[in-house]
N, C-alpha and C. Protein backbone atom coordinates (compact mmCIF):
# COMPACT_ATOMS: atom_id res chain seq x y z
N UNK A 1 -33.79 -23.14 12.26
CA UNK A 1 -33.56 -22.16 10.30
C UNK A 1 -32.98 -20.99 10.91
N UNK A 2 -31.96 -20.43 10.34
CA UNK A 2 -31.24 -19.07 10.13
C UNK A 2 -31.78 -18.47 8.35
N UNK A 3 -32.36 -17.03 9.51
CA UNK A 3 -32.25 -16.41 8.32
C UNK A 3 -31.32 -14.80 8.32
N UNK A 4 -30.82 -14.51 7.15
CA UNK A 4 -29.55 -13.54 6.62
C UNK A 4 -30.30 -13.12 5.74
N UNK A 5 -30.07 -11.16 5.62
CA UNK A 5 -30.50 -10.61 5.59
C UNK A 5 -29.44 -9.73 4.15
N UNK A 6 -29.32 -9.64 3.52
CA UNK A 6 -29.03 -8.40 3.09
C UNK A 6 -29.35 -7.32 1.86
N UNK A 7 -28.89 -6.67 1.41
CA UNK A 7 -30.01 -6.25 0.75
C UNK A 7 -29.70 -6.34 -0.80
N UNK A 8 -30.16 -6.56 -1.08
CA UNK A 8 -31.35 -6.70 -2.32
C UNK A 8 -30.02 -5.89 -3.48
N UNK A 9 -29.38 -4.71 -3.47
CA UNK A 9 -28.61 -4.05 -4.29
C UNK A 9 -27.10 -4.07 -3.84
N UNK A 10 -27.13 -3.32 -3.09
CA UNK A 10 -25.21 -3.01 -2.95
C UNK A 10 -24.92 -5.12 -1.63
N UNK A 11 -25.65 -5.43 -1.79
CA UNK A 11 -25.09 -6.81 -1.05
C UNK A 11 -25.13 -7.02 0.11
N UNK A 12 -25.14 -5.90 1.09
CA UNK A 12 -24.58 -5.23 2.07
C UNK A 12 -25.40 -6.77 2.69
N UNK A 13 -24.79 -7.23 4.06
CA UNK A 13 -25.22 -7.83 4.72
C UNK A 13 -26.00 -6.98 5.97
N UNK A 14 -26.71 -7.39 6.58
CA UNK A 14 -27.27 -6.31 7.15
C UNK A 14 -27.69 -6.84 8.35
N UNK A 15 -28.13 -8.36 8.80
CA UNK A 15 -28.32 -8.93 9.42
C UNK A 15 -28.56 -10.35 9.99
N UNK A 16 -28.77 -11.58 10.82
CA UNK A 16 -28.85 -12.17 10.85
C UNK A 16 -30.69 -12.30 11.98
N UNK A 17 -30.59 -13.34 11.84
CA UNK A 17 -31.30 -14.26 12.66
C UNK A 17 -30.77 -15.99 13.12
N UNK A 18 -30.41 -16.45 13.99
CA UNK A 18 -29.80 -17.57 14.08
C UNK A 18 -30.64 -18.39 14.90
N UNK A 19 -31.42 -18.20 15.56
CA UNK A 19 -32.23 -19.11 16.47
C UNK A 19 -32.75 -20.17 15.97
N UNK A 20 -32.68 -21.63 16.50
CA UNK A 20 -33.38 -22.33 15.62
C UNK A 20 -35.02 -22.67 15.99
N UNK A 21 -35.57 -21.78 16.38
CA UNK A 21 -37.02 -22.05 16.85
C UNK A 21 -38.12 -20.74 15.86
N UNK A 22 -37.07 -19.63 14.85
CA UNK A 22 -38.20 -19.31 14.82
C UNK A 22 -39.17 -19.28 13.36
N UNK A 23 -40.14 -19.14 13.07
CA UNK A 23 -40.88 -19.26 12.19
C UNK A 23 -40.74 -18.78 11.38
N UNK A 24 -41.36 -19.04 9.92
CA UNK A 24 -41.74 -18.81 8.46
C UNK A 24 -42.44 -17.83 9.48
N UNK A 25 -43.96 -17.72 9.80
CA UNK A 25 -44.70 -16.95 10.44
C UNK A 25 -43.94 -15.60 11.72
N UNK A 26 -43.23 -16.05 12.40
CA UNK A 26 -42.83 -14.96 13.34
C UNK A 26 -41.41 -13.80 12.31
N UNK A 27 -41.63 -14.62 11.39
CA UNK A 27 -40.90 -13.45 10.04
C UNK A 27 -41.95 -12.36 10.01
N UNK A 28 -43.05 -12.95 9.73
CA UNK A 28 -43.66 -11.67 8.59
C UNK A 28 -43.80 -13.11 6.95
N UNK A 29 -43.59 -13.74 6.97
CA UNK A 29 -43.07 -14.14 5.48
C UNK A 29 -44.68 -14.32 5.00
N UNK A 30 -45.88 -15.16 5.92
CA UNK A 30 -46.82 -15.43 5.37
C UNK A 30 -47.98 -13.88 4.82
N UNK A 31 -46.99 -13.22 5.03
CA UNK A 31 -47.69 -11.62 4.64
C UNK A 31 -47.53 -11.66 3.64
N UNK A 32 -46.31 -12.44 2.64
CA UNK A 32 -45.78 -11.89 1.02
C UNK A 32 -47.57 -12.70 0.34
N UNK A 33 -46.89 -11.73 -0.90
CA UNK A 33 -47.99 -12.87 -2.23
C UNK A 33 -46.91 -13.45 -2.61
N UNK A 34 -46.94 -15.12 -3.16
CA UNK A 34 -45.87 -15.67 -3.67
C UNK A 34 -45.35 -15.40 -4.69
N UNK A 35 -45.70 -14.54 -5.21
CA UNK A 35 -44.51 -14.20 -6.35
C UNK A 35 -43.45 -13.04 -5.71
N UNK A 36 -43.68 -12.25 -4.42
CA UNK A 36 -42.99 -11.22 -3.48
C UNK A 36 -42.21 -12.71 -2.73
N UNK A 37 -42.79 -13.79 -2.55
CA UNK A 37 -41.49 -14.49 -1.45
C UNK A 37 -40.82 -15.19 -2.71
N UNK A 38 -41.21 -15.23 -3.90
CA UNK A 38 -39.93 -15.94 -5.20
C UNK A 38 -38.47 -14.54 -5.49
N UNK A 39 -38.94 -13.15 -4.86
CA UNK A 39 -38.45 -12.05 -5.17
C UNK A 39 -37.40 -11.81 -3.75
N UNK A 40 -38.22 -11.81 -2.59
CA UNK A 40 -37.75 -11.70 -0.97
C UNK A 40 -36.42 -12.83 -0.92
N UNK A 41 -37.28 -14.20 -0.63
CA UNK A 41 -36.75 -14.86 0.12
C UNK A 41 -36.12 -15.69 -1.03
N UNK A 42 -35.00 -16.42 -0.97
CA UNK A 42 -33.97 -17.85 -1.44
C UNK A 42 -33.43 -18.76 -0.19
N UNK A 43 -33.86 -20.32 -0.35
CA UNK A 43 -33.81 -21.31 1.11
C UNK A 43 -32.98 -22.05 0.40
N UNK A 44 -32.00 -21.83 1.20
CA UNK A 44 -30.08 -22.71 0.90
C UNK A 44 -30.60 -24.20 1.48
N UNK A 45 -29.86 -25.02 0.47
CA UNK A 45 -29.36 -26.44 0.77
C UNK A 45 -30.16 -26.63 2.36
N UNK A 46 -29.05 -25.62 3.74
CA UNK A 46 -28.93 -26.70 4.69
C UNK A 46 -30.46 -26.15 5.26
N UNK A 47 -31.33 -25.23 4.86
CA UNK A 47 -32.78 -25.25 5.19
C UNK A 47 -32.52 -23.64 5.80
N UNK A 48 -31.75 -22.91 5.84
CA UNK A 48 -31.66 -21.90 6.57
C UNK A 48 -32.60 -21.00 4.68
N UNK A 49 -32.51 -19.33 5.70
CA UNK A 49 -32.95 -18.48 4.52
C UNK A 49 -31.59 -17.38 3.67
N UNK A 50 -32.45 -16.26 3.10
CA UNK A 50 -31.62 -15.55 2.74
C UNK A 50 -33.13 -14.35 2.11
N UNK A 51 -32.59 -12.97 2.78
CA UNK A 51 -33.91 -12.42 2.96
C UNK A 51 -33.40 -11.18 2.10
N UNK A 52 -34.35 -10.94 0.79
CA UNK A 52 -33.57 -9.45 0.11
C UNK A 52 -34.29 -8.03 0.05
N UNK A 53 -33.63 -6.60 1.41
CA UNK A 53 -33.76 -6.51 2.03
C UNK A 53 -33.27 -4.89 1.37
N UNK A 54 -33.92 -3.69 1.53
CA UNK A 54 -33.05 -3.01 1.09
C UNK A 54 -32.00 -1.90 2.34
N UNK A 55 -31.21 -1.82 2.39
CA UNK A 55 -30.39 -1.26 3.37
C UNK A 55 -30.93 0.62 3.43
N UNK A 56 -30.35 0.93 4.42
CA UNK A 56 -30.70 2.57 4.50
C UNK A 56 -29.62 3.43 3.47
N UNK A 57 -29.03 3.26 3.34
CA UNK A 57 -28.32 3.70 2.29
C UNK A 57 -28.76 3.20 0.97
N UNK A 58 -29.30 2.00 0.03
CA UNK A 58 -29.50 2.59 -0.67
C UNK A 58 -31.29 2.69 -1.28
N UNK A 59 -31.50 2.59 0.26
CA UNK A 59 -32.88 2.91 0.20
C UNK A 59 -32.71 4.55 -0.03
N UNK A 60 -32.07 4.88 0.93
CA UNK A 60 -32.09 6.84 0.49
C UNK A 60 -31.50 7.51 -0.90
N UNK A 61 -30.28 6.17 -1.55
CA UNK A 61 -29.93 7.06 -3.07
C UNK A 61 -31.33 7.03 -3.37
N UNK A 62 -32.25 5.64 -3.41
CA UNK A 62 -33.01 4.94 -4.40
C UNK A 62 -34.38 6.31 -4.35
N UNK A 63 -34.18 7.40 -2.62
CA UNK A 63 -35.69 7.94 -2.69
C UNK A 63 -35.01 9.27 -3.36
N UNK A 64 -33.57 9.67 -3.24
CA UNK A 64 -33.01 10.90 -4.03
C UNK A 64 -32.72 10.94 -4.81
N UNK A 65 -32.86 9.82 -5.86
CA UNK A 65 -32.48 9.73 -7.62
C UNK A 65 -34.09 8.66 -7.96
N UNK A 66 -35.21 8.85 -8.21
CA UNK A 66 -35.89 8.00 -8.32
C UNK A 66 -35.34 7.21 -9.62
N UNK A 67 -35.02 7.93 -10.25
CA UNK A 67 -34.74 7.46 -12.54
C UNK A 67 -34.23 5.59 -11.75
N UNK A 68 -33.16 5.74 -10.49
CA UNK A 68 -32.33 4.96 -10.35
C UNK A 68 -32.98 3.22 -10.25
N UNK A 69 -34.39 3.32 -9.63
CA UNK A 69 -35.07 2.11 -9.47
C UNK A 69 -35.91 1.74 -10.98
N UNK A 70 -35.03 1.76 -12.51
CA UNK A 70 -35.73 2.01 -13.46
C UNK A 70 -33.91 0.35 -14.34
N UNK A 71 -33.28 0.80 -13.20
CA UNK A 71 -32.33 0.16 -13.23
C UNK A 71 -31.92 -1.26 -12.81
N UNK A 72 -31.69 -2.37 -12.89
CA UNK A 72 -31.42 -4.03 -12.43
C UNK A 72 -30.54 -3.61 -11.20
N UNK A 73 -29.96 -2.90 -11.27
CA UNK A 73 -28.78 -2.39 -10.14
C UNK A 73 -28.28 -1.81 -9.23
N UNK A 74 -28.90 -0.70 -9.42
CA UNK A 74 -28.70 0.77 -9.84
C UNK A 74 -27.30 1.21 -8.81
N UNK A 75 -27.05 0.41 -7.45
CA UNK A 75 -26.03 0.70 -6.86
C UNK A 75 -24.52 -0.28 -7.35
N UNK A 76 -24.67 -1.05 -7.88
CA UNK A 76 -23.41 -1.35 -7.97
C UNK A 76 -22.42 -0.82 -9.03
C-alpha cells in the first residue's frame, strides 16, 4: 500500500509513503472516527490511499484569516 499526502485546500503534493509493508495502524488511521476517515482518506482502485491534510502554507493562512475556514476551498 502506498499513502500519498496532499493538501486538502491547495492540492499541493506533500509526500508519499510507498513501502509495501505499511499498515493503517502504523499510519495512525485507527485513531480516526468513521466520519474523519471518510473526510480525510480516499482509497484508490489499486489499493493505494490518498490522505488529505493541510500544508504549512494553508495552515498559516487559515490561522491568520480564520474566516477562510468558512469557505469550502479557501485558497484556490
